[in-house]
PDB file of N, CA and C in Angstrom:
ATOM      1  N   MET A   1     143.911 187.356 161.009  1.00  0.00           N
ATOM      2  CA  MET A   1     143.058 188.530 160.896  1.00  0.00           C
ATOM      3  C   MET A   1     142.848 188.847 159.420  1.00  0.00           C
ATOM      4  N   TYR A   2     141.618 189.119 159.072  1.00  0.00           N
ATOM      5  CA  TYR A   2     141.285 189.444 157.693  1.00  0.00           C
ATOM      6  C   TYR A   2     140.819 190.886 157.599  1.00  0.00           C
ATOM      7  N   VAL A   3     141.128 191.536 156.483  1.00  0.00           N
ATOM      8  CA  VAL A   3     140.658 192.878 156.186  1.00  0.00           C
ATOM      9  C   VAL A   3     139.592 192.711 155.115  1.00  0.00           C
ATOM     10  N   ARG A   4     138.349 193.034 155.420  1.00  0.00           N
ATOM     11  CA  ARG A   4     137.251 192.767 154.484  1.00  0.00           C
ATOM     12  C   ARG A   4     136.805 194.029 153.757  1.00  0.00           C
ATOM     13  N   ILE A   5     136.156 193.805 152.611  1.00  0.00           N
ATOM     14  CA  ILE A   5     135.557 194.924 151.887  1.00  0.00           C
ATOM     15  C   ILE A   5     134.463 195.504 152.767  1.00  0.00           C
ATOM     16  N   ASP A   6     134.591 196.751 153.077  1.00  0.00           N
ATOM     17  CA  ASP A   6     133.655 197.449 153.950  1.00  0.00           C
ATOM     18  C   ASP A   6     132.404 197.827 153.164  1.00  0.00           C
ATOM     19  N   PRO A   7     131.209 197.475 153.662  1.00  0.00           N
ATOM     20  CA  PRO A   7     129.981 197.849 152.963  1.00  0.00           C
ATOM     21  C   PRO A   7     129.863 199.353 152.736  1.00  0.00           C
ATOM     22  N   ALA A   8     130.502 200.162 153.570  1.00  0.00           N
ATOM     23  CA  ALA A   8     130.456 201.615 153.397  1.00  0.00           C
ATOM     24  C   ALA A   8     131.121 202.038 152.086  1.00  0.00           C
ATOM     25  N   HIS A   9     131.979 201.183 151.548  1.00  0.00           N
ATOM     26  CA  HIS A   9     132.609 201.458 150.262  1.00  0.00           C
ATOM     27  C   HIS A   9     131.682 201.098 149.105  1.00  0.00           C
ATOM     28  N   HIS A  10     130.498 200.587 149.429  1.00  0.00           N
ATOM     29  CA  HIS A  10     129.549 200.127 148.411  1.00  0.00           C
ATOM     30  C   HIS A  10     130.212 199.074 147.531  1.00  0.00           C
ATOM     31  N   GLY A  11     131.018 198.202 148.176  1.00  0.00           N
ATOM     32  CA  GLY A  11     131.671 197.129 147.451  1.00  0.00           C
ATOM     33  C   GLY A  11     132.927 197.547 146.711  1.00  0.00           C
ATOM     34  N   ARG A  12     133.281 198.814 146.772  1.00  0.00           N
ATOM     35  CA  ARG A  12     134.467 199.302 146.060  1.00  0.00           C
ATOM     36  C   ARG A  12     135.588 199.535 147.063  1.00  0.00           C
ATOM     37  N   VAL A  13     136.725 199.016 146.734  1.00  0.00           N
ATOM     38  CA  VAL A  13     137.893 199.168 147.580  1.00  0.00           C
ATOM     39  C   VAL A  13     139.112 199.167 146.666  1.00  0.00           C
ATOM     40  N   ASP A  14     140.162 199.822 147.083  1.00  0.00           N
ATOM     41  CA  ASP A  14     141.392 199.835 146.309  1.00  0.00           C
ATOM     42  C   ASP A  14     142.122 198.526 146.568  1.00  0.00           C
ATOM     43  N   ILE A  15     142.235 197.681 145.549  1.00  0.00           N
ATOM     44  CA  ILE A  15     142.914 196.392 145.676  1.00  0.00           C
ATOM     45  C   ILE A  15     144.225 196.457 144.905  1.00  0.00           C
ATOM     46  N   GLU A  16     145.312 196.193 145.627  1.00  0.00           N
ATOM     47  CA  GLU A  16     146.628 196.174 145.011  1.00  0.00           C
ATOM     48  C   GLU A  16     147.249 194.794 145.187  1.00  0.00           C
ATOM     49  N   LEU A  17     147.938 194.359 144.166  1.00  0.00           N
ATOM     50  CA  LEU A  17     148.731 193.135 144.235  1.00  0.00           C
ATOM     51  C   LEU A  17     150.173 193.559 143.998  1.00  0.00           C
ATOM     52  N   LEU A  18     150.971 193.525 145.065  1.00  0.00           N
ATOM     53  CA  LEU A  18     152.371 193.891 144.981  1.00  0.00           C
ATOM     54  C   LEU A  18     153.187 192.633 144.729  1.00  0.00           C
ATOM     55  N   TYR A  19     154.185 192.733 143.855  1.00  0.00           N
ATOM     56  CA  TYR A  19     154.957 191.558 143.468  1.00  0.00           C
ATOM     57  C   TYR A  19     156.318 191.985 142.940  1.00  0.00           C
ATOM     58  N   PHE A  20     157.214 191.025 142.800  1.00  0.00           N
ATOM     59  CA  PHE A  20     158.412 191.270 142.012  1.00  0.00           C
ATOM     60  C   PHE A  20     158.476 190.180 140.946  1.00  0.00           C
ATOM     61  N   SER A  21     159.020 190.538 139.803  1.00  0.00           N
ATOM     62  CA  SER A  21     158.926 189.669 138.632  1.00  0.00           C
ATOM     63  C   SER A  21     159.604 188.321 138.817  1.00  0.00           C
ATOM     64  N   GLY A  22     160.577 188.200 139.706  1.00  0.00           N
ATOM     65  CA  GLY A  22     161.257 186.934 139.922  1.00  0.00           C
ATOM     66  C   GLY A  22     160.488 185.940 140.770  1.00  0.00           C
ATOM     67  N   CYS A  23     159.366 186.340 141.300  1.00  0.00           N
ATOM     68  CA  CYS A  23     158.561 185.453 142.136  1.00  0.00           C
ATOM     69  C   CYS A  23     157.511 184.749 141.274  1.00  0.00           C
ATOM     70  N   PRO A  24     157.511 183.419 141.256  1.00  0.00           N
ATOM     71  CA  PRO A  24     156.552 182.703 140.414  1.00  0.00           C
ATOM     72  C   PRO A  24     155.133 182.685 140.984  1.00  0.00           C
ATOM     73  N   ASN A  25     154.959 183.084 142.235  1.00  0.00           N
ATOM     74  CA  ASN A  25     153.654 182.938 142.882  1.00  0.00           C
ATOM     75  C   ASN A  25     152.696 184.106 142.666  1.00  0.00           C
ATOM     76  N   TRP A  26     153.177 185.235 142.175  1.00  0.00           N
ATOM     77  CA  TRP A  26     152.291 186.380 142.048  1.00  0.00           C
ATOM     78  C   TRP A  26     151.204 186.143 141.001  1.00  0.00           C
ATOM     79  N   ARG A  27     151.519 185.417 139.952  1.00  0.00           N
ATOM     80  CA  ARG A  27     150.492 185.146 138.931  1.00  0.00           C
ATOM     81  C   ARG A  27     149.400 184.218 139.474  1.00  0.00           C
ATOM     82  N   VAL A  28     149.785 183.263 140.303  1.00  0.00           N
ATOM     83  CA  VAL A  28     148.802 182.390 140.959  1.00  0.00           C
ATOM     84  C   VAL A  28     147.902 183.231 141.859  1.00  0.00           C
ATOM     85  N   ALA A  29     148.509 184.133 142.619  1.00  0.00           N
ATOM     86  CA  ALA A  29     147.730 185.014 143.506  1.00  0.00           C
ATOM     87  C   ALA A  29     146.776 185.885 142.688  1.00  0.00           C
ATOM     88  N   GLN A  30     147.241 186.403 141.570  1.00  0.00           N
ATOM     89  CA  GLN A  30     146.394 187.236 140.709  1.00  0.00           C
ATOM     90  C   GLN A  30     145.198 186.436 140.186  1.00  0.00           C
ATOM     91  N   GLU A  31     145.445 185.216 139.724  1.00  0.00           N
ATOM     92  CA  GLU A  31     144.357 184.377 139.215  1.00  0.00           C
ATOM     93  C   GLU A  31     143.348 184.050 140.315  1.00  0.00           C
ATOM     94  N   ARG A  32     143.856 183.687 141.482  1.00  0.00           N
ATOM     95  CA  ARG A  32     142.956 183.353 142.597  1.00  0.00           C
ATOM     96  C   ARG A  32     142.192 184.572 143.080  1.00  0.00           C
ATOM     97  N   LEU A  33     142.844 185.719 143.132  1.00  0.00           N
ATOM     98  CA  LEU A  33     142.162 186.946 143.556  1.00  0.00           C
ATOM     99  C   LEU A  33     141.068 187.319 142.563  1.00  0.00           C
ATOM    100  N   SER A  34     141.345 187.220 141.283  1.00  0.00           N
ATOM    101  CA  SER A  34     140.329 187.503 140.253  1.00  0.00           C
ATOM    102  C   SER A  34     139.144 186.551 140.394  1.00  0.00           C
ATOM    103  N   GLU A  35     139.420 185.279 140.617  1.00  0.00           N
ATOM    104  CA  GLU A  35     138.351 184.290 140.786  1.00  0.00           C
ATOM    105  C   GLU A  35     137.551 184.577 142.061  1.00  0.00           C
ATOM    106  N   ALA A  36     138.225 184.925 143.143  1.00  0.00           N
ATOM    107  CA  ALA A  36     137.537 185.239 144.398  1.00  0.00           C
ATOM    108  C   ALA A  36     136.637 186.465 144.228  1.00  0.00           C
ATOM    109  N   LEU A  37     137.095 187.445 143.473  1.00  0.00           N
ATOM    110  CA  LEU A  37     136.269 188.632 143.220  1.00  0.00           C
ATOM    111  C   LEU A  37     135.010 188.240 142.441  1.00  0.00           C
ATOM    112  N   LYS A  38     135.147 187.366 141.462  1.00  0.00           N
ATOM    113  CA  LYS A  38     133.981 186.891 140.706  1.00  0.00           C
ATOM    114  C   LYS A  38     133.013 186.144 141.610  1.00  0.00           C
ATOM    115  N   LEU A  39     133.553 185.247 142.437  1.00  0.00           N
ATOM    116  CA  LEU A  39     132.702 184.430 143.310  1.00  0.00           C
ATOM    117  C   LEU A  39     131.969 185.245 144.368  1.00  0.00           C
ATOM    118  N   THR A  40     132.506 186.400 144.715  1.00  0.00           N
ATOM    119  CA  THR A  40     131.883 187.237 145.745  1.00  0.00           C
ATOM    120  C   THR A  40     131.087 188.405 145.164  1.00  0.00           C
ATOM    121  N   GLY A  41     130.886 188.386 143.845  1.00  0.00           N
ATOM    122  CA  GLY A  41     130.071 189.421 143.221  1.00  0.00           C
ATOM    123  C   GLY A  41     130.794 190.728 142.963  1.00  0.00           C
ATOM    124  N   HIS A  42     132.116 190.686 142.938  1.00  0.00           N
ATOM    125  CA  HIS A  42     132.910 191.897 142.714  1.00  0.00           C
ATOM    126  C   HIS A  42     133.772 191.768 141.455  1.00  0.00           C
ATOM    127  N   ALA A  43     133.268 191.080 140.454  1.00  0.00           N
ATOM    128  CA  ALA A  43     134.051 190.809 139.247  1.00  0.00           C
ATOM    129  C   ALA A  43     134.547 192.081 138.567  1.00  0.00           C
ATOM    130  N   GLU A  44     133.807 193.174 138.710  1.00  0.00           N
ATOM    131  CA  GLU A  44     134.175 194.434 138.058  1.00  0.00           C
ATOM    132  C   GLU A  44     135.246 195.202 138.825  1.00  0.00           C
ATOM    133  N   GLN A  45     135.583 194.734 140.009  1.00  0.00           N
ATOM    134  CA  GLN A  45     136.569 195.410 140.856  1.00  0.00           C
ATOM    135  C   GLN A  45     137.969 195.288 140.245  1.00  0.00           C
ATOM    136  N   PRO A  46     138.613 196.412 139.940  1.00  0.00           N
ATOM    137  CA  PRO A  46     139.961 196.318 139.360  1.00  0.00           C
ATOM    138  C   PRO A  46     141.012 195.938 140.404  1.00  0.00           C
ATOM    139  N   ILE A  47     142.047 195.277 139.926  1.00  0.00           N
ATOM    140  CA  ILE A  47     143.210 194.938 140.737  1.00  0.00           C
ATOM    141  C   ILE A  47     144.382 195.727 140.165  1.00  0.00           C
ATOM    142  N   THR A  48     144.998 196.551 140.992  1.00  0.00           N
ATOM    143  CA  THR A  48     146.161 197.315 140.560  1.00  0.00           C
ATOM    144  C   THR A  48     147.416 196.498 140.823  1.00  0.00           C
ATOM    145  N   LEU A  49     148.179 196.229 139.769  1.00  0.00           N
ATOM    146  CA  LEU A  49     149.432 195.498 139.904  1.00  0.00           C
ATOM    147  C   LEU A  49     150.546 196.505 140.187  1.00  0.00           C
ATOM    148  N   VAL A  50     151.315 196.239 141.245  1.00  0.00           N
ATOM    149  CA  VAL A  50     152.415 197.115 141.634  1.00  0.00           C
ATOM    150  C   VAL A  50     153.698 196.285 141.626  1.00  0.00           C
ATOM    151  N   GLU A  51     154.556 196.533 140.633  1.00  0.00           N
ATOM    152  CA  GLU A  51     155.818 195.803 140.574  1.00  0.00           C
ATOM    153  C   GLU A  51     156.836 196.490 141.472  1.00  0.00           C
ATOM    154  N   VAL A  52     157.452 195.703 142.321  1.00  0.00           N
ATOM    155  CA  VAL A  52     158.501 196.186 143.216  1.00  0.00           C
ATOM    156  C   VAL A  52     159.811 195.676 142.633  1.00  0.00           C
ATOM    157  N   ASP A  53     160.734 196.594 142.330  1.00  0.00           N
ATOM    158  CA  ASP A  53     161.924 196.170 141.601  1.00  0.00           C
ATOM    159  C   ASP A  53     163.255 196.416 142.310  1.00  0.00           C
ATOM    160  N   THR A  54     163.214 197.011 143.499  1.00  0.00           N
ATOM    161  CA  THR A  54     164.459 197.219 144.257  1.00  0.00           C
ATOM    162  C   THR A  54     164.189 197.035 145.745  1.00  0.00           C
ATOM    163  N   ASP A  55     165.255 196.750 146.485  1.00  0.00           N
ATOM    164  CA  ASP A  55     165.118 196.655 147.946  1.00  0.00           C
ATOM    165  C   ASP A  55     164.684 197.988 148.540  1.00  0.00           C
ATOM    166  N   GLU A  56     165.202 199.065 147.995  1.00  0.00           N
ATOM    167  CA  GLU A  56     164.825 200.395 148.491  1.00  0.00           C
ATOM    168  C   GLU A  56     163.322 200.627 148.322  1.00  0.00           C
ATOM    169  N   ARG A  57     162.811 200.287 147.166  1.00  0.00           N
ATOM    170  CA  ARG A  57     161.360 200.442 146.914  1.00  0.00           C
ATOM    171  C   ARG A  57     160.565 199.499 147.827  1.00  0.00           C
ATOM    172  N   ALA A  58     161.087 198.300 148.059  1.00  0.00           N
ATOM    173  CA  ALA A  58     160.418 197.345 148.950  1.00  0.00           C
ATOM    174  C   ALA A  58     160.280 197.935 150.353  1.00  0.00           C
ATOM    175  N   ARG A  59     161.352 198.534 150.850  1.00  0.00           N
ATOM    176  CA  ARG A  59     161.286 199.152 152.182  1.00  0.00           C
ATOM    177  C   ARG A  59     160.352 200.347 152.176  1.00  0.00           C
ATOM    178  N   GLN A  60     160.404 201.151 151.136  1.00  0.00           N
ATOM    179  CA  GLN A  60     159.547 202.331 151.021  1.00  0.00           C
ATOM    180  C   GLN A  60     158.066 201.939 151.026  1.00  0.00           C
ATOM    181  N   LEU A  61     157.741 200.852 150.336  1.00  0.00           N
ATOM    182  CA  LEU A  61     156.348 200.390 150.254  1.00  0.00           C
ATOM    183  C   LEU A  61     155.955 199.485 151.424  1.00  0.00           C
ATOM    184  N   ARG A  62     156.925 199.180 152.288  1.00  0.00           N
ATOM    185  CA  ARG A  62     156.686 198.247 153.395  1.00  0.00           C
ATOM    186  C   ARG A  62     156.165 196.920 152.821  1.00  0.00           C
ATOM    187  N   PHE A  63     156.943 196.408 151.896  1.00  0.00           N
ATOM    188  CA  PHE A  63     156.619 195.222 151.098  1.00  0.00           C
ATOM    189  C   PHE A  63     157.192 193.979 151.775  1.00  0.00           C
ATOM    190  N   PRO A  64     156.326 193.149 152.385  1.00  0.00           N
ATOM    191  CA  PRO A  64     156.821 191.977 153.109  1.00  0.00           C
ATOM    192  C   PRO A  64     157.137 190.774 152.228  1.00  0.00           C
ATOM    193  N   GLY A  65     157.003 190.914 150.937  1.00  0.00           N
ATOM    194  CA  GLY A  65     157.313 189.827 150.028  1.00  0.00           C
ATOM    195  C   GLY A  65     156.243 189.661 148.973  1.00  0.00           C
ATOM    196  N   SER A  66     156.573 188.868 147.986  1.00  0.00           N
ATOM    197  CA  SER A  66     155.713 188.668 146.832  1.00  0.00           C
ATOM    198  C   SER A  66     155.055 187.297 146.891  1.00  0.00           C
ATOM    199  N   PRO A  67     153.757 187.283 146.666  1.00  0.00           N
ATOM    200  CA  PRO A  67     152.830 188.384 146.417  1.00  0.00           C
ATOM    201  C   PRO A  67     152.255 188.946 147.721  1.00  0.00           C
ATOM    202  N   THR A  68     151.924 190.226 147.707  1.00  0.00           N
ATOM    203  CA  THR A  68     151.235 190.871 148.825  1.00  0.00           C
ATOM    204  C   THR A  68     149.965 191.498 148.279  1.00  0.00           C
ATOM    205  N   ILE A  69     148.856 191.227 148.936  1.00  0.00           N
ATOM    206  CA  ILE A  69     147.567 191.801 148.547  1.00  0.00           C
ATOM    207  C   ILE A  69     147.201 192.855 149.576  1.00  0.00           C
ATOM    208  N   ARG A  70     146.891 194.048 149.096  1.00  0.00           N
ATOM    209  CA  ARG A  70     146.480 195.140 149.981  1.00  0.00           C
ATOM    210  C   ARG A  70     145.085 195.612 149.612  1.00  0.00           C
ATOM    211  N   LEU A  71     144.301 195.861 150.635  1.00  0.00           N
ATOM    212  CA  LEU A  71     142.973 196.459 150.478  1.00  0.00           C
ATOM    213  C   LEU A  71     143.028 197.833 151.135  1.00  0.00           C
ATOM    214  N   ASP A  72     142.760 198.855 150.347  1.00  0.00           N
ATOM    215  CA  ASP A  72     142.846 200.235 150.826  1.00  0.00           C
ATOM    216  C   ASP A  72     144.164 200.496 151.541  1.00  0.00           C
ATOM    217  N   GLY A  73     145.249 199.971 150.969  1.00  0.00           N
ATOM    218  CA  GLY A  73     146.579 200.234 151.487  1.00  0.00           C
ATOM    219  C   GLY A  73     147.021 199.372 152.657  1.00  0.00           C
ATOM    220  N   ARG A  74     146.164 198.492 153.136  1.00  0.00           N
ATOM    221  CA  ARG A  74     146.490 197.637 154.280  1.00  0.00           C
ATOM    222  C   ARG A  74     146.710 196.211 153.819  1.00  0.00           C
ATOM    223  N   ASP A  75     147.729 195.567 154.374  1.00  0.00           N
ATOM    224  CA  ASP A  75     148.007 194.171 154.056  1.00  0.00           C
ATOM    225  C   ASP A  75     146.771 193.344 154.423  1.00  0.00           C
ATOM    226  N   ALA A  76     146.230 192.629 153.448  1.00  0.00           N
ATOM    227  CA  ALA A  76     145.002 191.873 153.671  1.00  0.00           C
ATOM    228  C   ALA A  76     145.221 190.635 154.539  1.00  0.00           C
ATOM    229  N   LEU A  77     146.426 190.107 154.545  1.00  0.00           N
ATOM    230  CA  LEU A  77     146.748 188.909 155.320  1.00  0.00           C
ATOM    231  C   LEU A  77     148.046 189.146 156.092  1.00  0.00           C
ATOM    232  N   PRO A  78     148.017 190.060 157.042  1.00  0.00           N
ATOM    233  CA  PRO A  78     149.253 190.412 157.746  1.00  0.00           C
ATOM    234  C   PRO A  78     149.743 189.291 158.655  1.00  0.00           C
ATOM    235  N   THR A  79     151.020 189.306 158.906  1.00  0.00           N
ATOM    236  CA  THR A  79     151.622 188.399 159.878  1.00  0.00           C
ATOM    237  C   THR A  79     152.167 189.252 161.019  1.00  0.00           C
ATOM    238  N   PRO A  80     152.324 188.664 162.212  1.00  0.00           N
ATOM    239  CA  PRO A  80     152.736 189.457 163.367  1.00  0.00           C
ATOM    240  C   PRO A  80     154.056 190.204 163.177  1.00  0.00           C
ATOM    241  N   GLU A  81     155.057 189.535 162.637  1.00  0.00           N
ATOM    242  CA  GLU A  81     156.356 190.176 162.446  1.00  0.00           C
ATOM    243  C   GLU A  81     156.710 190.129 160.975  1.00  0.00           C
ATOM    244  N   GLN A  82     156.678 191.300 160.348  1.00  0.00           N
ATOM    245  CA  GLN A  82     156.993 191.343 158.938  1.00  0.00           C
ATOM    246  C   GLN A  82     158.301 192.091 158.721  1.00  0.00           C
ATOM    247  N   THR A  83     159.113 191.555 157.843  1.00  0.00           N
ATOM    248  CA  THR A  83     160.292 192.261 157.373  1.00  0.00           C
ATOM    249  C   THR A  83     160.004 192.672 155.942  1.00  0.00           C
ATOM    250  N   TYR A  84     160.733 193.646 155.453  1.00  0.00           N
ATOM    251  CA  TYR A  84     160.457 194.184 154.136  1.00  0.00           C
ATOM    252  C   TYR A  84     161.644 193.968 153.219  1.00  0.00           C
ATOM    253  N   GLY A  85     161.371 193.481 152.020  1.00  0.00           N
ATOM    254  CA  GLY A  85     162.432 193.251 151.056  1.00  0.00           C
ATOM    255  C   GLY A  85     161.970 192.401 149.898  1.00  0.00           C
ATOM    256  N   MET A  86     162.923 192.107 149.027  1.00  0.00           N
ATOM    257  CA  MET A  86     162.664 191.361 147.801  1.00  0.00           C
ATOM    258  C   MET A  86     162.746 189.860 148.097  1.00  0.00           C
ATOM    259  N   SER A  87     161.640 189.286 148.476  1.00  0.00           N
ATOM    260  CA  SER A  87     161.596 187.852 148.757  1.00  0.00           C
ATOM    261  C   SER A  87     160.222 187.319 148.386  1.00  0.00           C
ATOM    262  N   CYS A  88     160.150 186.014 148.228  1.00  0.00           N
ATOM    263  CA  CYS A  88     158.854 185.382 148.019  1.00  0.00           C
ATOM    264  C   CYS A  88     158.201 185.202 149.389  1.00  0.00           C
ATOM    265  N   ARG A  89     156.941 185.458 149.450  1.00  0.00           N
ATOM    266  CA  ARG A  89     156.188 185.374 150.694  1.00  0.00           C
ATOM    267  C   ARG A  89     155.572 183.981 150.813  1.00  0.00           C
ATOM    268  N   VAL A  90     155.409 183.510 152.039  1.00  0.00           N
ATOM    269  CA  VAL A  90     154.793 182.217 152.298  1.00  0.00           C
ATOM    270  C   VAL A  90     153.543 182.453 153.140  1.00  0.00           C
ATOM    271  N   TYR A  91     152.460 181.796 152.761  1.00  0.00           N
ATOM    272  CA  TYR A  91     151.178 181.919 153.457  1.00  0.00           C
ATOM    273  C   TYR A  91     150.797 180.590 154.091  1.00  0.00           C
ATOM    274  N   ALA A  92     150.252 180.671 155.294  1.00  0.00           N
ATOM    275  CA  ALA A  92     149.664 179.485 155.918  1.00  0.00           C
ATOM    276  C   ALA A  92     148.273 179.338 155.317  1.00  0.00           C
ATOM    277  N   SER A  93     148.002 178.200 154.721  1.00  0.00           N
ATOM    278  CA  SER A  93     146.699 177.962 154.104  1.00  0.00           C
ATOM    279  C   SER A  93     146.142 176.647 154.630  1.00  0.00           C
ATOM    280  N   PRO A  94     144.877 176.358 154.363  1.00  0.00           N
ATOM    281  CA  PRO A  94     144.287 175.103 154.845  1.00  0.00           C
ATOM    282  C   PRO A  94     145.066 173.854 154.423  1.00  0.00           C
ATOM    283  N   GLY A  95     145.737 173.914 153.275  1.00  0.00           N
ATOM    284  CA  GLY A  95     146.490 172.762 152.790  1.00  0.00           C
ATOM    285  C   GLY A  95     147.955 172.761 153.202  1.00  0.00           C
ATOM    286  N   GLY A  96     148.346 173.713 154.042  1.00  0.00           N
ATOM    287  CA  GLY A  96     149.744 173.834 154.460  1.00  0.00           C
ATOM    288  C   GLY A  96     150.334 175.132 153.941  1.00  0.00           C
ATOM    289  N   LEU A  97     151.637 175.252 153.988  1.00  0.00           N
ATOM    290  CA  LEU A  97     152.294 176.467 153.516  1.00  0.00           C
ATOM    291  C   LEU A  97     152.198 176.561 151.998  1.00  0.00           C
ATOM    292  N   SER A  98     151.997 177.799 151.519  1.00  0.00           N
ATOM    293  CA  SER A  98     151.814 178.027 150.093  1.00  0.00           C
ATOM    294  C   SER A  98     152.430 179.367 149.716  1.00  0.00           C
ATOM    295  N   GLY A  99     152.786 179.506 148.463  1.00  0.00           N
ATOM    296  CA  GLY A  99     153.353 180.750 147.965  1.00  0.00           C
ATOM    297  C   GLY A  99     152.320 181.805 147.641  1.00  0.00           C
ATOM    298  N   ALA A 100     151.036 181.472 147.766  1.00  0.00           N
ATOM    299  CA  ALA A 100     149.954 182.419 147.511  1.00  0.00           C
ATOM    300  C   ALA A 100     148.767 182.034 148.391  1.00  0.00           C
ATOM    301  N   PRO A 101     147.931 183.012 148.757  1.00  0.00           N
ATOM    302  CA  PRO A 101     146.733 182.667 149.527  1.00  0.00           C
ATOM    303  C   PRO A 101     145.844 181.725 148.727  1.00  0.00           C
ATOM    304  N   SER A 102     145.131 180.861 149.430  1.00  0.00           N
ATOM    305  CA  SER A 102     144.207 179.944 148.755  1.00  0.00           C
ATOM    306  C   SER A 102     142.976 180.706 148.273  1.00  0.00           C
ATOM    307  N   LEU A 103     142.269 180.114 147.332  1.00  0.00           N
ATOM    308  CA  LEU A 103     141.017 180.704 146.865  1.00  0.00           C
ATOM    309  C   LEU A 103     140.050 180.850 148.035  1.00  0.00           C
ATOM    310  N   GLU A 104     139.991 179.843 148.896  1.00  0.00           N
ATOM    311  CA  GLU A 104     139.109 179.887 150.071  1.00  0.00           C
ATOM    312  C   GLU A 104     139.449 181.071 150.972  1.00  0.00           C
ATOM    313  N   GLN A 105     140.724 181.301 151.228  1.00  0.00           N
ATOM    314  CA  GLN A 105     141.132 182.437 152.056  1.00  0.00           C
ATOM    315  C   GLN A 105     140.716 183.755 151.420  1.00  0.00           C
ATOM    316  N   LEU A 106     140.898 183.860 150.122  1.00  0.00           N
ATOM    317  CA  LEU A 106     140.561 185.114 149.435  1.00  0.00           C
ATOM    318  C   LEU A 106     139.057 185.358 149.400  1.00  0.00           C
ATOM    319  N   VAL A 107     138.281 184.296 149.192  1.00  0.00           N
ATOM    320  CA  VAL A 107     136.820 184.455 149.231  1.00  0.00           C
ATOM    321  C   VAL A 107     136.390 184.928 150.615  1.00  0.00           C
ATOM    322  N   ARG A 108     136.947 184.302 151.644  1.00  0.00           N
ATOM    323  CA  ARG A 108     136.611 184.707 153.013  1.00  0.00           C
ATOM    324  C   ARG A 108     137.031 186.141 153.278  1.00  0.00           C
ATOM    325  N   LEU A 109     138.166 186.524 152.756  1.00  0.00           N
ATOM    326  CA  LEU A 109     138.673 187.879 152.887  1.00  0.00           C
ATOM    327  C   LEU A 109     137.712 188.906 152.295  1.00  0.00           C
ATOM    328  N   LEU A 110     137.100 188.553 151.187  1.00  0.00           N
ATOM    329  CA  LEU A 110     136.255 189.481 150.447  1.00  0.00           C
ATOM    330  C   LEU A 110     134.781 189.454 150.841  1.00  0.00           C
ATOM    331  N   THR A 111     134.420 188.605 151.775  1.00  0.00           N
ATOM    332  CA  THR A 111     133.032 188.526 152.224  1.00  0.00           C
ATOM    333  C   THR A 111     132.931 188.937 153.684  1.00  0.00           C
ATOM    334  N   ASP A 112     131.753 189.244 154.102  1.00  0.00           N
ATOM    335  CA  ASP A 112     131.538 189.721 155.473  1.00  0.00           C
ATOM    336  C   ASP A 112     131.222 188.557 156.388  1.00  0.00           C
ATOM    337  N   VAL A 113     132.232 187.735 156.667  1.00  0.00           N
ATOM    338  CA  VAL A 113     132.093 186.583 157.549  1.00  0.00           C
ATOM    339  C   VAL A 113     132.597 186.994 158.917  1.00  0.00           C
ATOM    340  N   PRO A 114     131.819 186.717 159.987  1.00  0.00           N
ATOM    341  CA  PRO A 114     132.286 187.110 161.322  1.00  0.00           C
ATOM    342  C   PRO A 114     133.556 186.382 161.716  1.00  0.00           C
TER     343      PRO A 114
END
């Protein structure tokens, strides 16, 4: 399930990238998300970086792992059963399991594809 930019927002949505500094994949996710925003005509859209630094904060933010991308406060790529804590997240992508969503997934996420 994908959470897409709603046209009612006029292309503007609150985009957050939640991460913890010990995870090497958040920078890859940030680069791919920035590129996906450019490719979908949303290059000016800011990405808010949210560093999660404790297990308590992870539970408070309902942080399923690093990196997590949220659109308007909702996990953009949710999984059926999520636990919350300081861990690296794994994504199913076209090329297999990955530590960050693929560029293709992010482009699809940001466009209005049925």
